[in-house]
PDB file of N, CA and C in Angstrom:
ATOM      1  N   UNK A   1       1.627 -23.702   6.201  1.00  0.00           N
ATOM      2  CA  UNK A   1       1.924 -23.501   7.199  1.00  0.00           C
ATOM      3  C   UNK A   1       2.415 -21.937   7.148  1.00  0.00           C
ATOM      4  N   UNK A   2       1.647 -21.290   7.858  1.00  0.00           N
ATOM      5  CA  UNK A   2       1.851 -19.801   7.890  1.00  0.00           C
ATOM      6  C   UNK A   2       2.875 -19.524   9.173  1.00  0.00           C
ATOM      7  N   UNK A   3       3.890 -18.874   8.766  1.00  0.00           N
ATOM      8  CA  UNK A   3       4.772 -18.043   9.831  1.00  0.00           C
ATOM      9  C   UNK A   3       4.793 -16.804   9.868  1.00  0.00           C
ATOM     10  N   UNK A   4       4.673 -16.363  11.251  1.00  0.00           N
ATOM     11  CA  UNK A   4       4.473 -14.841  11.377  1.00  0.00           C
ATOM     12  C   UNK A   4       5.282 -14.464  12.440  1.00  0.00           C
ATOM     13  N   UNK A   5       5.984 -13.040  12.490  1.00  0.00           N
ATOM     14  CA  UNK A   5       7.109 -12.577  13.633  1.00  0.00           C
ATOM     15  C   UNK A   5       6.592 -11.314  13.366  1.00  0.00           C
ATOM     16  N   UNK A   6       6.082 -10.581  14.385  1.00  0.00           N
ATOM     17  CA  UNK A   6       6.484  -9.255  14.689  1.00  0.00           C
ATOM     18  C   UNK A   6       7.822  -8.672  15.103  1.00  0.00           C
ATOM     19  N   UNK A   7       7.849  -7.294  15.119  1.00  0.00           N
ATOM     20  CA  UNK A   7       8.912  -6.548  15.432  1.00  0.00           C
ATOM     21  C   UNK A   7       8.455  -5.267  16.110  1.00  0.00           C
ATOM     22  N   UNK A   8       9.159  -4.765  17.326  1.00  0.00           N
ATOM     23  CA  UNK A   8       8.923  -3.789  17.909  1.00  0.00           C
ATOM     24  C   UNK A   8       8.851  -2.758  16.786  1.00  0.00           C
ATOM     25  N   UNK A   9       7.587  -1.573  16.763  1.00  0.00           N
ATOM     26  CA  UNK A   9       7.868  -0.091  15.732  1.00  0.00           C
ATOM     27  C   UNK A   9       9.030   0.166  16.194  1.00  0.00           C
ATOM     28  N   UNK A  10       9.627   1.075  15.458  1.00  0.00           N
ATOM     29  CA  UNK A  10      11.057   1.937  15.598  1.00  0.00           C
ATOM     30  C   UNK A  10      10.681   3.372  15.208  1.00  0.00           C
ATOM     31  N   UNK A  11      11.218   4.045  16.013  1.00  0.00           N
ATOM     32  CA  UNK A  11      11.313   5.585  16.057  1.00  0.00           C
ATOM     33  C   UNK A  11      12.314   5.888  14.811  1.00  0.00           C
ATOM     34  N   UNK A  12      11.730   6.630  13.328  1.00  0.00           N
ATOM     35  CA  UNK A  12      13.273   6.745  12.323  1.00  0.00           C
ATOM     36  C   UNK A  12      13.227   8.380  12.077  1.00  0.00           C
ATOM     37  N   UNK A  13      13.827   8.984  11.560  1.00  0.00           N
ATOM     38  CA  UNK A  13      13.666  10.117  11.321  1.00  0.00           C
ATOM     39  C   UNK A  13      12.564  10.818  10.294  1.00  0.00           C
ATOM     40  N   UNK A  14      11.896   9.404   9.574  1.00  0.00           N
ATOM     41  CA  UNK A  14      10.635   9.894   8.871  1.00  0.00           C
ATOM     42  C   UNK A  14       9.464   9.487   9.363  1.00  0.00           C
ATOM     43  N   UNK A  15       9.587   8.907  10.789  1.00  0.00           N
ATOM     44  CA  UNK A  15       8.526   8.465  11.314  1.00  0.00           C
ATOM     45  C   UNK A  15       8.524   7.200  11.980  1.00  0.00           C
ATOM     46  N   UNK A  16       7.718   6.387  12.564  1.00  0.00           N
ATOM     47  CA  UNK A  16       7.543   5.088  12.822  1.00  0.00           C
ATOM     48  C   UNK A  16       7.623   4.417  12.034  1.00  0.00           C
ATOM     49  N   UNK A  17       8.724   3.041  12.023  1.00  0.00           N
ATOM     50  CA  UNK A  17       8.327   1.665  11.223  1.00  0.00           C
ATOM     51  C   UNK A  17       7.902   0.689  11.728  1.00  0.00           C
ATOM     52  N   UNK A  18       7.034   0.241  11.397  1.00  0.00           N
ATOM     53  CA  UNK A  18       6.115  -1.061  11.655  1.00  0.00           C
ATOM     54  C   UNK A  18       6.662  -1.914  10.758  1.00  0.00           C
ATOM     55  N   UNK A  19       7.241  -3.221  11.132  1.00  0.00           N
ATOM     56  CA  UNK A  19       7.750  -4.558  10.470  1.00  0.00           C
ATOM     57  C   UNK A  19       6.785  -5.603  11.050  1.00  0.00           C
ATOM     58  N   UNK A  20       6.598  -6.419  10.214  1.00  0.00           N
ATOM     59  CA  UNK A  20       5.864  -7.731  10.201  1.00  0.00           C
ATOM     60  C   UNK A  20       6.465  -8.669   9.379  1.00  0.00           C
ATOM     61  N   UNK A  21       6.912 -10.085  10.506  1.00  0.00           N
ATOM     62  CA  UNK A  21       7.325 -10.975   9.034  1.00  0.00           C
ATOM     63  C   UNK A  21       6.732 -12.208   9.010  1.00  0.00           C
ATOM     64  N   UNK A  22       5.886 -12.074   7.785  1.00  0.00           N
ATOM     65  CA  UNK A  22       5.208 -12.966   7.483  1.00  0.00           C
ATOM     66  C   UNK A  22       5.297 -13.194   5.916  1.00  0.00           C
ATOM     67  N   UNK A  23       6.397 -14.497   5.169  1.00  0.00           N
ATOM     68  CA  UNK A  23       6.879 -14.358   4.320  1.00  0.00           C
ATOM     69  C   UNK A  23       5.887 -15.343   3.541  1.00  0.00           C
ATOM     70  N   UNK A  24       4.860 -15.989   3.862  1.00  0.00           N
ATOM     71  CA  UNK A  24       4.027 -16.393   3.021  1.00  0.00           C
ATOM     72  C   UNK A  24       2.621 -16.026   3.163  1.00  0.00           C
ATOM     73  N   UNK A  25       2.875 -14.686   3.444  1.00  0.00           N
ATOM     74  CA  UNK A  25       1.439 -13.920   3.581  1.00  0.00           C
ATOM     75  C   UNK A  25       1.679 -13.472   1.994  1.00  0.00           C
ATOM     76  N   UNK A  26       0.354 -13.045   1.528  1.00  0.00           N
ATOM     77  CA  UNK A  26      -0.164 -12.195  -0.011  1.00  0.00           C
ATOM     78  C   UNK A  26      -0.330 -10.814   0.124  1.00  0.00           C
ATOM     79  N   UNK A  27      -0.659 -10.464   1.538  1.00  0.00           N
ATOM     80  CA  UNK A  27      -1.040  -9.403   1.756  1.00  0.00           C
ATOM     81  C   UNK A  27      -1.074  -8.592   3.195  1.00  0.00           C
ATOM     82  N   UNK A  28      -0.372  -7.511   3.811  1.00  0.00           N
ATOM     83  CA  UNK A  28      -0.467  -6.875   5.546  1.00  0.00           C
ATOM     84  C   UNK A  28      -1.017  -5.866   5.021  1.00  0.00           C
ATOM     85  N   UNK A  29      -1.753  -5.493   6.018  1.00  0.00           N
ATOM     86  CA  UNK A  29      -2.109  -3.823   6.479  1.00  0.00           C
ATOM     87  C   UNK A  29      -1.505  -3.795   7.534  1.00  0.00           C
ATOM     88  N   UNK A  30      -1.613  -2.324   8.131  1.00  0.00           N
ATOM     89  CA  UNK A  30      -1.483  -2.038   9.232  1.00  0.00           C
ATOM     90  C   UNK A  30      -3.103  -1.237   9.593  1.00  0.00           C
ATOM     91  N   UNK A  31      -3.736  -1.257  10.707  1.00  0.00           N
ATOM     92  CA  UNK A  31      -5.024  -0.332  11.018  1.00  0.00           C
ATOM     93  C   UNK A  31      -4.717  -0.125  12.688  1.00  0.00           C
ATOM     94  N   UNK A  32      -5.177   1.238  12.730  1.00  0.00           N
ATOM     95  CA  UNK A  32      -5.052   1.969  14.272  1.00  0.00           C
ATOM     96  C   UNK A  32      -5.659   2.935  14.304  1.00  0.00           C
ATOM     97  N   UNK A  33      -5.607   2.932  15.478  1.00  0.00           N
ATOM     98  CA  UNK A  33      -6.598   4.596  15.740  1.00  0.00           C
ATOM     99  C   UNK A  33      -6.052   6.031  15.340  1.00  0.00           C
ATOM    100  N   UNK A  34      -4.456   5.987  14.772  1.00  0.00           N
ATOM    101  CA  UNK A  34      -3.744   6.613  13.545  1.00  0.00           C
ATOM    102  C   UNK A  34      -4.213   6.864  12.382  1.00  0.00           C
ATOM    103  N   UNK A  35      -4.801   6.059  12.120  1.00  0.00           N
ATOM    104  CA  UNK A  35      -5.719   6.373  10.476  1.00  0.00           C
ATOM    105  C   UNK A  35      -6.770   5.457  10.815  1.00  0.00           C
ATOM    106  N   UNK A  36      -7.492   5.918  11.690  1.00  0.00           N
ATOM    107  CA  UNK A  36      -9.201   5.560  11.744  1.00  0.00           C
ATOM    108  C   UNK A  36      -9.336   4.191  11.524  1.00  0.00           C
ATOM    109  N   UNK A  37      -8.534   3.222  11.701  1.00  0.00           N
ATOM    110  CA  UNK A  37      -8.428   1.507  11.467  1.00  0.00           C
ATOM    111  C   UNK A  37      -9.035   1.595  10.269  1.00  0.00           C
ATOM    112  N   UNK A  38      -8.200   2.635   9.298  1.00  0.00           N
ATOM    113  CA  UNK A  38      -8.286   2.305   7.843  1.00  0.00           C
ATOM    114  C   UNK A  38      -7.023   1.361   7.623  1.00  0.00           C
ATOM    115  N   UNK A  39      -7.041   0.885   6.462  1.00  0.00           N
ATOM    116  CA  UNK A  39      -6.128  -0.530   5.953  1.00  0.00           C
ATOM    117  C   UNK A  39      -5.187   0.222   5.389  1.00  0.00           C
ATOM    118  N   UNK A  40      -3.825   0.523   6.070  1.00  0.00           N
ATOM    119  CA  UNK A  40      -2.616   0.961   5.493  1.00  0.00           C
ATOM    120  C   UNK A  40      -1.232   0.092   4.923  1.00  0.00           C
ATOM    121  N   UNK A  41      -1.578  -0.142   3.479  1.00  0.00           N
ATOM    122  CA  UNK A  41      -0.323  -1.046   3.029  1.00  0.00           C
ATOM    123  C   UNK A  41       0.561  -0.753   3.393  1.00  0.00           C
ATOM    124  N   UNK A  42       1.302  -2.359   3.590  1.00  0.00           N
ATOM    125  CA  UNK A  42       2.971  -2.461   3.861  1.00  0.00           C
ATOM    126  C   UNK A  42       3.502  -3.238   2.495  1.00  0.00           C
ATOM    127  N   UNK A  43       4.679  -2.997   2.642  1.00  0.00           N
ATOM    128  CA  UNK A  43       5.576  -3.670   1.328  1.00  0.00           C
ATOM    129  C   UNK A  43       6.314  -5.008   1.981  1.00  0.00           C
ATOM    130  N   UNK A  44       6.625  -5.744   1.184  1.00  0.00           N
ATOM    131  CA  UNK A  44       7.308  -6.848   1.432  1.00  0.00           C
ATOM    132  C   UNK A  44       8.830  -7.033   0.584  1.00  0.00           C
ATOM    133  N   UNK A  45       9.600  -7.149   1.544  1.00  0.00           N
ATOM    134  CA  UNK A  45      10.971  -7.232   1.268  1.00  0.00           C
ATOM    135  C   UNK A  45      11.342  -8.545   0.689  1.00  0.00           C
ATOM    136  N   UNK A  46      12.740  -8.669   0.275  1.00  0.00           N
ATOM    137  CA  UNK A  46      13.031 -10.010  -0.384  1.00  0.00           C
ATOM    138  C   UNK A  46      13.065 -11.521   1.060  1.00  0.00           C
ATOM    139  N   UNK A  47      13.359 -10.663   2.069  1.00  0.00           N
ATOM    140  CA  UNK A  47      13.636 -11.541   3.437  1.00  0.00           C
ATOM    141  C   UNK A  47      11.911 -12.045   4.016  1.00  0.00           C
ATOM    142  N   UNK A  48      10.665 -11.242   2.975  1.00  0.00           N
ATOM    143  CA  UNK A  48       9.531 -11.601   3.855  1.00  0.00           C
ATOM    144  C   UNK A  48       9.278 -10.683   5.067  1.00  0.00           C
ATOM    145  N   UNK A  49       9.658  -9.706   5.119  1.00  0.00           N
ATOM    146  CA  UNK A  49       9.728  -8.937   6.118  1.00  0.00           C
ATOM    147  C   UNK A  49       8.490  -7.655   5.623  1.00  0.00           C
ATOM    148  N   UNK A  50       7.629  -7.389   5.973  1.00  0.00           N
ATOM    149  CA  UNK A  50       6.698  -6.247   5.860  1.00  0.00           C
ATOM    150  C   UNK A  50       6.630  -4.936   6.409  1.00  0.00           C
ATOM    151  N   UNK A  51       6.675  -3.880   5.770  1.00  0.00           N
ATOM    152  CA  UNK A  51       7.319  -2.800   6.691  1.00  0.00           C
ATOM    153  C   UNK A  51       6.403  -1.619   6.037  1.00  0.00           C
ATOM    154  N   UNK A  52       6.107  -0.533   6.871  1.00  0.00           N
ATOM    155  CA  UNK A  52       5.461   0.768   6.437  1.00  0.00           C
ATOM    156  C   UNK A  52       5.845   1.581   7.232  1.00  0.00           C
ATOM    157  N   UNK A  53       6.337   2.948   7.192  1.00  0.00           N
ATOM    158  CA  UNK A  53       6.435   3.880   7.981  1.00  0.00           C
ATOM    159  C   UNK A  53       5.463   5.040   7.693  1.00  0.00           C
ATOM    160  N   UNK A  54       5.187   5.316   9.236  1.00  0.00           N
ATOM    161  CA  UNK A  54       3.801   6.398   9.364  1.00  0.00           C
ATOM    162  C   UNK A  54       4.462   7.415  10.100  1.00  0.00           C
ATOM    163  N   UNK A  55       3.828   8.753   9.957  1.00  0.00           N
ATOM    164  CA  UNK A  55       4.276   9.534  10.436  1.00  0.00           C
ATOM    165  C   UNK A  55       3.585   9.736  11.479  1.00  0.00           C
ATOM    166  N   UNK A  56       4.010   9.908  12.937  1.00  0.00           N
ATOM    167  CA  UNK A  56       3.092   9.765  13.867  1.00  0.00           C
ATOM    168  C   UNK A  56       3.203  11.256  14.877  1.00  0.00           C
ATOM    169  N   UNK A  57       2.420  11.788  15.754  1.00  0.00           N
ATOM    170  CA  UNK A  57       3.076  12.559  16.593  1.00  0.00           C
ATOM    171  C   UNK A  57       3.223  11.724  17.851  1.00  0.00           C
ATOM    172  N   UNK A  58       3.898  12.020  18.843  1.00  0.00           N
ATOM    173  CA  UNK A  58       4.478  11.323  20.228  1.00  0.00           C
ATOM    174  C   UNK A  58       2.915  11.159  20.930  1.00  0.00           C
ATOM    175  N   UNK A  59       3.007   9.914  21.023  1.00  0.00           N
ATOM    176  CA  UNK A  59       1.809   9.487  22.071  1.00  0.00           C
ATOM    177  C   UNK A  59       1.561   8.037  22.219  1.00  0.00           C
ATOM    178  N   UNK A  60       0.521   7.487  22.568  1.00  0.00           N
ATOM    179  CA  UNK A  60       0.163   6.094  22.841  1.00  0.00           C
ATOM    180  C   UNK A  60      -0.894   5.766  21.662  1.00  0.00           C
ATOM    181  N   UNK A  61      -0.639   4.574  20.725  1.00  0.00           N
ATOM    182  CA  UNK A  61      -1.554   4.243  19.546  1.00  0.00           C
ATOM    183  C   UNK A  61      -1.968   2.896  19.724  1.00  0.00           C
ATOM    184  N   UNK A  62      -3.265   2.310  19.391  1.00  0.00           N
ATOM    185  CA  UNK A  62      -3.352   0.938  19.237  1.00  0.00           C
ATOM    186  C   UNK A  62      -3.586   0.949  17.995  1.00  0.00           C
ATOM    187  N   UNK A  63      -2.899  -0.093  17.622  1.00  0.00           N
ATOM    188  CA  UNK A  63      -3.095  -0.835  16.165  1.00  0.00           C
ATOM    189  C   UNK A  63      -3.161  -2.335  16.341  1.00  0.00           C
ATOM    190  N   UNK A  64      -3.542  -2.582  15.105  1.00  0.00           N
ATOM    191  CA  UNK A  64      -3.490  -4.393  14.679  1.00  0.00           C
ATOM    192  C   UNK A  64      -2.682  -4.418  13.301  1.00  0.00           C
ATOM    193  N   UNK A  65      -2.363  -5.333  12.724  1.00  0.00           N
ATOM    194  CA  UNK A  65      -2.408  -6.234  11.450  1.00  0.00           C
ATOM    195  C   UNK A  65      -3.123  -6.586  10.963  1.00  0.00           C
ATOM    196  N   UNK A  66      -3.109  -6.616   9.945  1.00  0.00           N
ATOM    197  CA  UNK A  66      -4.329  -7.525   8.963  1.00  0.00           C
ATOM    198  C   UNK A  66      -3.619  -8.352   8.171  1.00  0.00           C
ATOM    199  N   UNK A  67      -3.316  -9.400   8.018  1.00  0.00           N
ATOM    200  CA  UNK A  67      -2.535 -10.309   7.352  1.00  0.00           C
ATOM    201  C   UNK A  67      -3.599 -11.428   6.808  1.00  0.00           C
ATOM    202  N   UNK A  68      -3.645 -11.393   5.517  1.00  0.00           N
ATOM    203  CA  UNK A  68      -4.440 -11.844   4.378  1.00  0.00           C
ATOM    204  C   UNK A  68      -5.791 -11.838   5.130  1.00  0.00           C
ATOM    205  N   UNK A  69      -6.315 -10.769   5.739  1.00  0.00           N
ATOM    206  CA  UNK A  69      -7.688 -10.452   5.593  1.00  0.00           C
ATOM    207  C   UNK A  69      -8.140 -10.930   7.458  1.00  0.00           C
ATOM    208  N   UNK A  70      -6.950 -11.567   8.410  1.00  0.00           N
ATOM    209  CA  UNK A  70      -7.213 -11.712   9.517  1.00  0.00           C
ATOM    210  C   UNK A  70      -6.658 -10.569  10.342  1.00  0.00           C
ATOM    211  N   UNK A  71      -7.213 -10.233  11.358  1.00  0.00           N
ATOM    212  CA  UNK A  71      -6.874  -9.163  12.165  1.00  0.00           C
ATOM    213  C   UNK A  71      -5.750  -9.911  13.327  1.00  0.00           C
ATOM    214  N   UNK A  72      -4.810  -9.308  13.316  1.00  0.00           N
ATOM    215  CA  UNK A  72      -3.855  -9.878  14.313  1.00  0.00           C
ATOM    216  C   UNK A  72      -3.127  -9.026  15.304  1.00  0.00           C
ATOM    217  N   UNK A  73      -3.337  -9.122  16.417  1.00  0.00           N
ATOM    218  CA  UNK A  73      -2.493  -7.884  17.583  1.00  0.00           C
ATOM    219  C   UNK A  73      -0.937  -8.782  17.263  1.00  0.00           C
ATOM    220  N   UNK A  74      -0.192  -7.467  17.921  1.00  0.00           N
ATOM    221  CA  UNK A  74       1.561  -7.793  17.508  1.00  0.00           C
ATOM    222  C   UNK A  74       1.660  -7.926  19.173  1.00  0.00           C
ATOM    223  N   UNK A  75       2.204  -9.625  18.448  1.00  0.00           N
ATOM    224  CA  UNK A  75       2.775 -10.588  20.024  1.00  0.00           C
ATOM    225  C   UNK A  75       3.876 -10.039  20.655  1.00  0.00           C
ATOM    226  N   UNK A  76       4.526  -8.954  19.792  1.00  0.00           N
ATOM    227  CA  UNK A  76       5.426  -8.320  20.729  1.00  0.00           C
ATOM    228  C   UNK A  76       5.343  -6.863  21.222  1.00  0.00           C
ATOM    229  N   UNK A  77       4.320  -6.653  21.413  1.00  0.00           N
ATOM    230  CA  UNK A  77       3.658  -5.290  21.642  1.00  0.00           C
ATOM    231  C   UNK A  77       2.364  -5.252  22.079  1.00  0.00           C
ATOM    232  N   UNK A  78       2.344  -6.167  23.313  1.00  0.00           N
ATOM    233  CA  UNK A  78       0.946  -6.219  23.924  1.00  0.00           C
ATOM    234  C   UNK A  78       0.175  -5.287  24.450  1.00  0.00           C
ATOM    235  N   UNK A  79      -0.757  -4.734  24.238  1.00  0.00           N
ATOM    236  CA  UNK A  79      -1.604  -3.580  25.116  1.00  0.00           C
ATOM    237  C   UNK A  79      -1.892  -3.865  26.119  1.00  0.00           C
TER     238      UNK A  79
END
């Protein structure tokens, strides 16, 4: 069973922090219009949270997570 949990993106001094909870996943990427829909890798911590900080200008962005090759919408931030 694969347990997934997404959290809202959070603005930080370094950029926008994206977090996705998937302790059983082997790989998680984020892709969006801010990176040409390319795959930006995320790093998992010891609790199963995958994170990445991306510098973004203020605006509206579309994105999805790619969890073990499957494109997943952020359930906590619907379009």
